[in-house]
Structure formats: structure tokens, C-alpha cells
Amino acid sequence: MAQQLTRSSDRIVAGVAGGIAKYINVDPSIVRIVTALVVLFTGIGPFLYVLGWLILPEENSGKTGIDALTGGVKKAKESYDSNKVHNPDDLR
């Protein structure tokens, strides 16, 4: 079975660099340094890192960053809907 590119549970920020290091079988420190340099010296580095967080599944749970974002929105909406009571007397 081919190895899948995932975000690592051995993480400093979001596990993107650690996951890439594990996938290409190199020391995570090297990938983290290269990632930090790309983020600091290019305009596209931060975008690529966030994109990696959004689309790469987590190593253990398989959830992506998109899942985390949409799950948070869903929970907030459910909480709002459950607390929403329209009582005209509250407006006075």
C-alpha cells in the first residue's frame, strides 16, 4: 500500500512540515527550516502552508482543516439555533 501524505501528529504549528518530512523520509527539522524560509522570503509561502493545513488529512483522525472550520461553524449555528427564542416581551 502506498504511503499517504498527511499532517503529522508530531507538530509545531499544524503538522504540515512534519507530514511532508515523513512522506519523503527526511528529518522534520530540515523540512521545517525550508518551510520557514519559504514562508519568510516569498509571498506565496504562507498561502501554501495554510492550503496544506486545509487539504491534508490529519495522521490519526483523517480530518482536514476544512473539516475543522466547517465543524466549528456547524456547532456555532446549532448553539445559536438552540438558544434562539423569540419573545416579544424581551424587546421592551
PDB file of N, CA and C in Angstrom:
ATOM      1  N   MET A   1       0.848  -1.184   0.000  1.00  0.00           N
ATOM      2  CA  MET A   1       0.000   0.000   0.000  1.00  0.00           C
ATOM      3  C   MET A   1       0.888   1.240   0.000  1.00  0.00           C
ATOM      4  N   ALA A   2       0.571   2.222  -0.827  1.00  0.00           N
ATOM      5  CA  ALA A   2       1.350   3.452  -0.935  1.00  0.00           C
ATOM      6  C   ALA A   2       1.109   4.325   0.296  1.00  0.00           C
ATOM      7  N   GLN A   3       2.150   5.005   0.695  1.00  0.00           N
ATOM      8  CA  GLN A   3       2.049   5.895   1.838  1.00  0.00           C
ATOM      9  C   GLN A   3       1.273   7.141   1.450  1.00  0.00           C
ATOM     10  N   GLN A   4       0.387   7.601   2.321  1.00  0.00           N
ATOM     11  CA  GLN A   4      -0.428   8.774   2.053  1.00  0.00           C
ATOM     12  C   GLN A   4       0.191   9.992   2.718  1.00  0.00           C
ATOM     13  N   LEU A   5       0.145  11.127   2.045  1.00  0.00           N
ATOM     14  CA  LEU A   5       0.628  12.383   2.597  1.00  0.00           C
ATOM     15  C   LEU A   5      -0.406  12.909   3.575  1.00  0.00           C
ATOM     16  N   THR A   6      -0.017  13.021   4.839  1.00  0.00           N
ATOM     17  CA  THR A   6      -0.907  13.505   5.890  1.00  0.00           C
ATOM     18  C   THR A   6      -0.183  14.545   6.723  1.00  0.00           C
ATOM     19  N   ARG A   7      -0.942  15.250   7.565  1.00  0.00           N
ATOM     20  CA  ARG A   7      -0.323  16.146   8.540  1.00  0.00           C
ATOM     21  C   ARG A   7       0.123  15.300   9.724  1.00  0.00           C
ATOM     22  N   SER A   8       1.292  15.592  10.234  1.00  0.00           N
ATOM     23  CA  SER A   8       1.882  14.791  11.297  1.00  0.00           C
ATOM     24  C   SER A   8       1.298  15.160  12.661  1.00  0.00           C
ATOM     25  N   SER A   9       1.253  14.174  13.549  1.00  0.00           N
ATOM     26  CA  SER A   9       0.861  14.461  14.932  1.00  0.00           C
ATOM     27  C   SER A   9       2.052  15.026  15.710  1.00  0.00           C
ATOM     28  N   ASP A  10       3.260  14.866  15.162  1.00  0.00           N
ATOM     29  CA  ASP A  10       4.469  15.487  15.717  1.00  0.00           C
ATOM     30  C   ASP A  10       4.578  16.862  15.069  1.00  0.00           C
ATOM     31  N   ARG A  11       3.943  17.849  15.703  1.00  0.00           N
ATOM     32  CA  ARG A  11       3.795  19.141  15.060  1.00  0.00           C
ATOM     33  C   ARG A  11       4.302  20.291  15.908  1.00  0.00           C
ATOM     34  N   ILE A  12       4.616  21.370  15.204  1.00  0.00           N
ATOM     35  CA  ILE A  12       4.945  22.626  15.870  1.00  0.00           C
ATOM     36  C   ILE A  12       3.808  23.616  15.646  1.00  0.00           C
ATOM     37  N   VAL A  13       3.335  23.735  14.401  1.00  0.00           N
ATOM     38  CA  VAL A  13       2.209  24.618  14.118  1.00  0.00           C
ATOM     39  C   VAL A  13       0.986  23.783  13.755  1.00  0.00           C
ATOM     40  N   ALA A  14       0.949  23.260  12.532  1.00  0.00           N
ATOM     41  CA  ALA A  14      -0.227  22.495  12.108  1.00  0.00           C
ATOM     42  C   ALA A  14       0.122  21.100  11.614  1.00  0.00           C
ATOM     43  N   GLY A  15       1.391  20.725  11.624  1.00  0.00           N
ATOM     44  CA  GLY A  15       1.799  19.390  11.223  1.00  0.00           C
ATOM     45  C   GLY A  15       2.079  19.215   9.745  1.00  0.00           C
ATOM     46  N   VAL A  16       2.009  20.310   8.975  1.00  0.00           N
ATOM     47  CA  VAL A  16       2.217  20.215   7.530  1.00  0.00           C
ATOM     48  C   VAL A  16       3.663  19.826   7.224  1.00  0.00           C
ATOM     49  N   ALA A  17       4.615  20.542   7.779  1.00  0.00           N
ATOM     50  CA  ALA A  17       6.032  20.253   7.512  1.00  0.00           C
ATOM     51  C   ALA A  17       6.416  18.869   8.028  1.00  0.00           C
ATOM     52  N   GLY A  18       5.933  18.498   9.197  1.00  0.00           N
ATOM     53  CA  GLY A  18       6.219  17.173   9.735  1.00  0.00           C
ATOM     54  C   GLY A  18       5.647  16.062   8.873  1.00  0.00           C
ATOM     55  N   GLY A  19       4.456  16.296   8.319  1.00  0.00           N
ATOM     56  CA  GLY A  19       3.846  15.308   7.435  1.00  0.00           C
ATOM     57  C   GLY A  19       4.608  15.155   6.126  1.00  0.00           C
ATOM     58  N   ILE A  20       5.068  16.285   5.574  1.00  0.00           N
ATOM     59  CA  ILE A  20       5.861  16.236   4.346  1.00  0.00           C
ATOM     60  C   ILE A  20       7.170  15.512   4.613  1.00  0.00           C
ATOM     61  N   ALA A  21       7.812  15.788   5.748  1.00  0.00           N
ATOM     62  CA  ALA A  21       9.070  15.122   6.100  1.00  0.00           C
ATOM     63  C   ALA A  21       8.881  13.616   6.217  1.00  0.00           C
ATOM     64  N   LYS A  22       7.808  13.207   6.840  1.00  0.00           N
ATOM     65  CA  LYS A  22       7.540  11.776   6.987  1.00  0.00           C
ATOM     66  C   LYS A  22       7.282  11.133   5.625  1.00  0.00           C
ATOM     67  N   TYR A  23       6.579  11.837   4.760  1.00  0.00           N
ATOM     68  CA  TYR A  23       6.244  11.319   3.433  1.00  0.00           C
ATOM     69  C   TYR A  23       7.486  11.126   2.562  1.00  0.00           C
ATOM     70  N   ILE A  24       8.437  12.091   2.621  1.00  0.00           N
ATOM     71  CA  ILE A  24       9.643  11.979   1.792  1.00  0.00           C
ATOM     72  C   ILE A  24      10.808  11.362   2.556  1.00  0.00           C
ATOM     73  N   ASN A  25      10.547  10.956   3.806  1.00  0.00           N
ATOM     74  CA  ASN A  25      11.511  10.237   4.633  1.00  0.00           C
ATOM     75  C   ASN A  25      12.800  11.026   4.895  1.00  0.00           C
ATOM     76  N   VAL A  26      12.639  12.253   5.387  1.00  0.00           N
ATOM     77  CA  VAL A  26      13.772  13.075   5.811  1.00  0.00           C
ATOM     78  C   VAL A  26      13.496  13.599   7.215  1.00  0.00           C
ATOM     79  N   ASP A  27      14.505  14.183   7.819  1.00  0.00           N
ATOM     80  CA  ASP A  27      14.373  14.743   9.161  1.00  0.00           C
ATOM     81  C   ASP A  27      13.380  15.906   9.133  1.00  0.00           C
ATOM     82  N   PRO A  28      12.415  15.924  10.047  1.00  0.00           N
ATOM     83  CA  PRO A  28      11.430  17.012  10.061  1.00  0.00           C
ATOM     84  C   PRO A  28      12.058  18.399  10.252  1.00  0.00           C
ATOM     85  N   SER A  29      13.182  18.479  10.933  1.00  0.00           N
ATOM     86  CA  SER A  29      13.829  19.776  11.149  1.00  0.00           C
ATOM     87  C   SER A  29      14.244  20.420   9.826  1.00  0.00           C
ATOM     88  N   ILE A  30      14.700  19.611   8.892  1.00  0.00           N
ATOM     89  CA  ILE A  30      15.115  20.137   7.585  1.00  0.00           C
ATOM     90  C   ILE A  30      13.907  20.723   6.855  1.00  0.00           C
ATOM     91  N   VAL A  31      12.817  19.992   6.835  1.00  0.00           N
ATOM     92  CA  VAL A  31      11.619  20.483   6.152  1.00  0.00           C
ATOM     93  C   VAL A  31      11.072  21.714   6.866  1.00  0.00           C
ATOM     94  N   ARG A  32      11.130  21.746   8.186  1.00  0.00           N
ATOM     95  CA  ARG A  32      10.643  22.908   8.929  1.00  0.00           C
ATOM     96  C   ARG A  32      11.482  24.147   8.630  1.00  0.00           C
ATOM     97  N   ILE A  33      12.796  23.978   8.526  1.00  0.00           N
ATOM     98  CA  ILE A  33      13.663  25.114   8.200  1.00  0.00           C
ATOM     99  C   ILE A  33      13.375  25.617   6.794  1.00  0.00           C
ATOM    100  N   VAL A  34      13.266  24.698   5.839  1.00  0.00           N
ATOM    101  CA  VAL A  34      12.950  25.084   4.457  1.00  0.00           C
ATOM    102  C   VAL A  34      11.578  25.762   4.408  1.00  0.00           C
ATOM    103  N   THR A  35      10.615  25.219   5.115  1.00  0.00           N
ATOM    104  CA  THR A  35       9.279  25.806   5.154  1.00  0.00           C
ATOM    105  C   THR A  35       9.325  27.213   5.737  1.00  0.00           C
ATOM    106  N   ALA A  36      10.060  27.386   6.828  1.00  0.00           N
ATOM    107  CA  ALA A  36      10.177  28.709   7.451  1.00  0.00           C
ATOM    108  C   ALA A  36      10.820  29.703   6.489  1.00  0.00           C
ATOM    109  N   LEU A  37      11.849  29.282   5.760  1.00  0.00           N
ATOM    110  CA  LEU A  37      12.500  30.171   4.800  1.00  0.00           C
ATOM    111  C   LEU A  37      11.554  30.549   3.660  1.00  0.00           C
ATOM    112  N   VAL A  38      10.803  29.581   3.171  1.00  0.00           N
ATOM    113  CA  VAL A  38       9.838  29.868   2.099  1.00  0.00           C
ATOM    114  C   VAL A  38       8.762  30.827   2.598  1.00  0.00           C
ATOM    115  N   VAL A  39       8.293  30.615   3.812  1.00  0.00           N
ATOM    116  CA  VAL A  39       7.269  31.493   4.378  1.00  0.00           C
ATOM    117  C   VAL A  39       7.819  32.912   4.561  1.00  0.00           C
ATOM    118  N   LEU A  40       9.051  33.019   5.032  1.00  0.00           N
ATOM    119  CA  LEU A  40       9.628  34.340   5.294  1.00  0.00           C
ATOM    120  C   LEU A  40      10.003  35.104   4.026  1.00  0.00           C
ATOM    121  N   PHE A  41      10.506  34.416   3.025  1.00  0.00           N
ATOM    122  CA  PHE A  41      11.079  35.105   1.882  1.00  0.00           C
ATOM    123  C   PHE A  41      10.259  35.073   0.606  1.00  0.00           C
ATOM    124  N   THR A  42       9.094  34.495   0.628  1.00  0.00           N
ATOM    125  CA  THR A  42       8.246  34.519  -0.567  1.00  0.00           C
ATOM    126  C   THR A  42       6.857  34.995  -0.184  1.00  0.00           C
ATOM    127  N   GLY A  43       6.155  35.486  -1.134  1.00  0.00           N
ATOM    128  CA  GLY A  43       4.790  35.915  -0.863  1.00  0.00           C
ATOM    129  C   GLY A  43       3.808  34.765  -0.858  1.00  0.00           C
ATOM    130  N   ILE A  44       4.202  33.636  -1.428  1.00  0.00           N
ATOM    131  CA  ILE A  44       3.284  32.513  -1.562  1.00  0.00           C
ATOM    132  C   ILE A  44       3.434  31.492  -0.426  1.00  0.00           C
ATOM    133  N   GLY A  45       4.498  31.584   0.338  1.00  0.00           N
ATOM    134  CA  GLY A  45       4.758  30.613   1.401  1.00  0.00           C
ATOM    135  C   GLY A  45       3.630  30.465   2.409  1.00  0.00           C
ATOM    136  N   PRO A  46       3.153  31.561   3.004  1.00  0.00           N
ATOM    137  CA  PRO A  46       2.054  31.424   3.970  1.00  0.00           C
ATOM    138  C   PRO A  46       0.787  30.832   3.347  1.00  0.00           C
ATOM    139  N   PHE A  47       0.508  31.210   2.108  1.00  0.00           N
ATOM    140  CA  PHE A  47      -0.657  30.670   1.410  1.00  0.00           C
ATOM    141  C   PHE A  47      -0.531  29.160   1.233  1.00  0.00           C
ATOM    142  N   LEU A  48       0.656  28.704   0.827  1.00  0.00           N
ATOM    143  CA  LEU A  48       0.871  27.270   0.626  1.00  0.00           C
ATOM    144  C   LEU A  48       0.743  26.493   1.935  1.00  0.00           C
ATOM    145  N   TYR A  49       1.248  27.070   3.031  1.00  0.00           N
ATOM    146  CA  TYR A  49       1.155  26.388   4.321  1.00  0.00           C
ATOM    147  C   TYR A  49      -0.303  26.259   4.765  1.00  0.00           C
ATOM    148  N   VAL A  50      -1.051  27.334   4.637  1.00  0.00           N
ATOM    149  CA  VAL A  50      -2.468  27.296   5.015  1.00  0.00           C
ATOM    150  C   VAL A  50      -3.224  26.332   4.102  1.00  0.00           C
ATOM    151  N   LEU A  51      -2.899  26.327   2.819  1.00  0.00           N
ATOM    152  CA  LEU A  51      -3.527  25.394   1.892  1.00  0.00           C
ATOM    153  C   LEU A  51      -3.226  23.947   2.292  1.00  0.00           C
ATOM    154  N   GLY A  52      -1.975  23.679   2.706  1.00  0.00           N
ATOM    155  CA  GLY A  52      -1.618  22.349   3.188  1.00  0.00           C
ATOM    156  C   GLY A  52      -2.433  21.961   4.406  1.00  0.00           C
ATOM    157  N   TRP A  53      -2.623  22.903   5.329  1.00  0.00           N
ATOM    158  CA  TRP A  53      -3.410  22.630   6.526  1.00  0.00           C
ATOM    159  C   TRP A  53      -4.861  22.334   6.159  1.00  0.00           C
ATOM    160  N   LEU A  54      -5.380  23.073   5.180  1.00  0.00           N
ATOM    161  CA  LEU A  54      -6.778  22.900   4.796  1.00  0.00           C
ATOM    162  C   LEU A  54      -7.051  21.568   4.112  1.00  0.00           C
ATOM    163  N   ILE A  55      -6.129  21.110   3.248  1.00  0.00           N
ATOM    164  CA  ILE A  55      -6.446  19.937   2.425  1.00  0.00           C
ATOM    165  C   ILE A  55      -5.818  18.631   2.880  1.00  0.00           C
ATOM    166  N   LEU A  56      -4.725  18.694   3.651  1.00  0.00           N
ATOM    167  CA  LEU A  56      -4.091  17.446   4.088  1.00  0.00           C
ATOM    168  C   LEU A  56      -4.825  16.875   5.299  1.00  0.00           C
ATOM    169  N   PRO A  57      -5.164  15.593   5.275  1.00  0.00           N
ATOM    170  CA  PRO A  57      -5.827  14.997   6.431  1.00  0.00           C
ATOM    171  C   PRO A  57      -4.850  14.800   7.586  1.00  0.00           C
ATOM    172  N   GLU A  58      -5.385  14.829   8.785  1.00  0.00           N
ATOM    173  CA  GLU A  58      -4.581  14.594   9.976  1.00  0.00           C
ATOM    174  C   GLU A  58      -4.200  13.118  10.051  1.00  0.00           C
ATOM    175  N   GLU A  59      -3.022  12.845  10.573  1.00  0.00           N
ATOM    176  CA  GLU A  59      -2.465  11.493  10.603  1.00  0.00           C
ATOM    177  C   GLU A  59      -3.378  10.494  11.316  1.00  0.00           C
ATOM    178  N   ASN A  60      -3.875  10.845  12.471  1.00  0.00           N
ATOM    179  CA  ASN A  60      -4.653   9.891  13.271  1.00  0.00           C
ATOM    180  C   ASN A  60      -6.145   9.923  12.986  1.00  0.00           C
ATOM    181  N   SER A  61      -6.703  11.113  12.846  1.00  0.00           N
ATOM    182  CA  SER A  61      -8.157  11.217  12.716  1.00  0.00           C
ATOM    183  C   SER A  61      -8.638  11.284  11.278  1.00  0.00           C
ATOM    184  N   GLY A  62      -7.782  11.712  10.367  1.00  0.00           N
ATOM    185  CA  GLY A  62      -8.190  11.844   8.976  1.00  0.00           C
ATOM    186  C   GLY A  62      -8.956  13.116   8.677  1.00  0.00           C
ATOM    187  N   LYS A  63      -9.127  13.980   9.685  1.00  0.00           N
ATOM    188  CA  LYS A  63      -9.849  15.234   9.484  1.00  0.00           C
ATOM    189  C   LYS A  63      -8.932  16.275   8.856  1.00  0.00           C
ATOM    190  N   THR A  64      -9.478  17.059   7.959  1.00  0.00           N
ATOM    191  CA  THR A  64      -8.726  18.136   7.327  1.00  0.00           C
ATOM    192  C   THR A  64      -9.014  19.447   8.051  1.00  0.00           C
ATOM    193  N   GLY A  65      -8.284  20.481   7.680  1.00  0.00           N
ATOM    194  CA  GLY A  65      -8.547  21.804   8.229  1.00  0.00           C
ATOM    195  C   GLY A  65      -9.927  22.302   7.839  1.00  0.00           C
ATOM    196  N   ILE A  66     -10.361  21.919   6.648  1.00  0.00           N
ATOM    197  CA  ILE A  66     -11.711  22.303   6.210  1.00  0.00           C
ATOM    198  C   ILE A  66     -12.757  21.680   7.134  1.00  0.00           C
ATOM    199  N   ASP A  67     -12.527  20.435   7.534  1.00  0.00           N
ATOM    200  CA  ASP A  67     -13.443  19.788   8.473  1.00  0.00           C
ATOM    201  C   ASP A  67     -13.496  20.550   9.790  1.00  0.00           C
ATOM    202  N   ALA A  68     -12.348  20.996  10.245  1.00  0.00           N
ATOM    203  CA  ALA A  68     -12.292  21.749  11.499  1.00  0.00           C
ATOM    204  C   ALA A  68     -13.059  23.055  11.382  1.00  0.00           C
ATOM    205  N   LEU A  69     -12.901  23.725  10.257  1.00  0.00           N
ATOM    206  CA  LEU A  69     -13.595  25.001  10.066  1.00  0.00           C
ATOM    207  C   LEU A  69     -15.098  24.813   9.934  1.00  0.00           C
ATOM    208  N   THR A  70     -15.523  23.881   9.127  1.00  0.00           N
ATOM    209  CA  THR A  70     -16.961  23.690   8.921  1.00  0.00           C
ATOM    210  C   THR A  70     -17.625  23.083  10.152  1.00  0.00           C
ATOM    211  N   GLY A  71     -16.898  22.262  10.891  1.00  0.00           N
ATOM    212  CA  GLY A  71     -17.452  21.718  12.132  1.00  0.00           C
ATOM    213  C   GLY A  71     -17.675  22.809  13.154  1.00  0.00           C
ATOM    214  N   GLY A  72     -16.758  23.780  13.206  1.00  0.00           N
ATOM    215  CA  GLY A  72     -16.908  24.902  14.129  1.00  0.00           C
ATOM    216  C   GLY A  72     -18.092  25.769  13.769  1.00  0.00           C
ATOM    217  N   VAL A  73     -18.293  25.985  12.480  1.00  0.00           N
ATOM    218  CA  VAL A  73     -19.433  26.769  12.024  1.00  0.00           C
ATOM    219  C   VAL A  73     -20.729  26.037  12.344  1.00  0.00           C
ATOM    220  N   LYS A  74     -20.732  24.727  12.118  1.00  0.00           N
ATOM    221  CA  LYS A  74     -21.934  23.941  12.385  1.00  0.00           C
ATOM    222  C   LYS A  74     -22.285  23.983  13.875  1.00  0.00           C
ATOM    223  N   LYS A  75     -21.283  23.834  14.740  1.00  0.00           N
ATOM    224  CA  LYS A  75     -21.533  23.869  16.183  1.00  0.00           C
ATOM    225  C   LYS A  75     -22.050  25.229  16.616  1.00  0.00           C
ATOM    226  N   ALA A  76     -21.460  26.301  16.059  1.00  0.00           N
ATOM    227  CA  ALA A  76     -21.906  27.646  16.409  1.00  0.00           C
ATOM    228  C   ALA A  76     -23.347  27.865  15.962  1.00  0.00           C
ATOM    229  N   LYS A  77     -23.684  27.400  14.756  1.00  0.00           N
ATOM    230  CA  LYS A  77     -25.048  27.558  14.255  1.00  0.00           C
ATOM    231  C   LYS A  77     -26.030  26.766  15.109  1.00  0.00           C
ATOM    232  N   GLU A  78     -25.678  25.535  15.482  1.00  0.00           N
ATOM    233  CA  GLU A  78     -26.558  24.731  16.327  1.00  0.00           C
ATOM    234  C   GLU A  78     -26.762  25.394  17.675  1.00  0.00           C
ATOM    235  N   SER A  79     -25.701  25.954  18.230  1.00  0.00           N
ATOM    236  CA  SER A  79     -25.803  26.636  19.517  1.00  0.00           C
ATOM    237  C   SER A  79     -26.690  27.866  19.405  1.00  0.00           C
ATOM    238  N   TYR A  80     -26.529  28.620  18.324  1.00  0.00           N
ATOM    239  CA  TYR A  80     -27.352  29.806  18.114  1.00  0.00           C
ATOM    240  C   TYR A  80     -28.817  29.416  17.958  1.00  0.00           C
ATOM    241  N   ASP A  81     -29.077  28.402  17.135  1.00  0.00           N
ATOM    242  CA  ASP A  81     -30.456  27.978  16.896  1.00  0.00           C
ATOM    243  C   ASP A  81     -31.124  27.461  18.161  1.00  0.00           C
ATOM    244  N   SER A  82     -30.374  26.753  18.999  1.00  0.00           N
ATOM    245  CA  SER A  82     -30.976  26.199  20.216  1.00  0.00           C
ATOM    246  C   SER A  82     -31.243  27.276  21.257  1.00  0.00           C
ATOM    247  N   ASN A  83     -30.508  28.389  21.200  1.00  0.00           N
ATOM    248  CA  ASN A  83     -30.697  29.466  22.176  1.00  0.00           C
ATOM    249  C   ASN A  83     -31.615  30.567  21.661  1.00  0.00           C
ATOM    250  N   LYS A  84     -32.041  30.457  20.428  1.00  0.00           N
ATOM    251  CA  LYS A  84     -32.854  31.496  19.815  1.00  0.00           C
ATOM    252  C   LYS A  84     -34.294  31.334  20.266  1.00  0.00           C
ATOM    253  N   VAL A  85     -34.774  32.296  21.038  1.00  0.00           N
ATOM    254  CA  VAL A  85     -36.155  32.304  21.492  1.00  0.00           C
ATOM    255  C   VAL A  85     -36.720  33.674  21.155  1.00  0.00           C
ATOM    256  N   HIS A  86     -37.776  33.690  20.421  1.00  0.00           N
ATOM    257  CA  HIS A  86     -38.384  34.959  20.046  1.00  0.00           C
ATOM    258  C   HIS A  86     -39.549  35.250  20.986  1.00  0.00           C
ATOM    259  N   ASN A  87     -39.310  36.148  21.883  1.00  0.00           N
ATOM    260  CA  ASN A  87     -40.322  36.547  22.813  1.00  0.00           C
ATOM    261  C   ASN A  87     -40.501  38.072  22.683  1.00  0.00           C
ATOM    262  N   PRO A  88     -41.642  38.534  22.243  1.00  0.00           N
ATOM    263  CA  PRO A  88     -41.826  39.980  22.039  1.00  0.00           C
ATOM    264  C   PRO A  88     -41.614  40.798  23.306  1.00  0.00           C
ATOM    265  N   ASP A  89     -41.856  40.218  24.479  1.00  0.00           N
ATOM    266  CA  ASP A  89     -41.695  40.963  25.723  1.00  0.00           C
ATOM    267  C   ASP A  89     -40.221  41.279  26.008  1.00  0.00           C
ATOM    268  N   ASP A  90     -39.299  40.505  25.417  1.00  0.00           N
ATOM    269  CA  ASP A  90     -37.872  40.756  25.634  1.00  0.00           C
ATOM    270  C   ASP A  90     -37.401  42.048  24.983  1.00  0.00           C
ATOM    271  N   LEU A  91     -38.164  42.557  24.039  1.00  0.00           N
ATOM    272  CA  LEU A  91     -37.775  43.753  23.318  1.00  0.00           C
ATOM    273  C   LEU A  91     -38.184  45.034  24.027  1.00  0.00           C
ATOM    274  N   ARG A  92     -38.947  44.933  25.059  1.00  0.00           N
ATOM    275  CA  ARG A  92     -39.419  46.129  25.768  1.00  0.00           C
ATOM    276  C   ARG A  92     -38.496  46.530  26.872  1.00  0.00           C
TER     277      ARG A  92
END
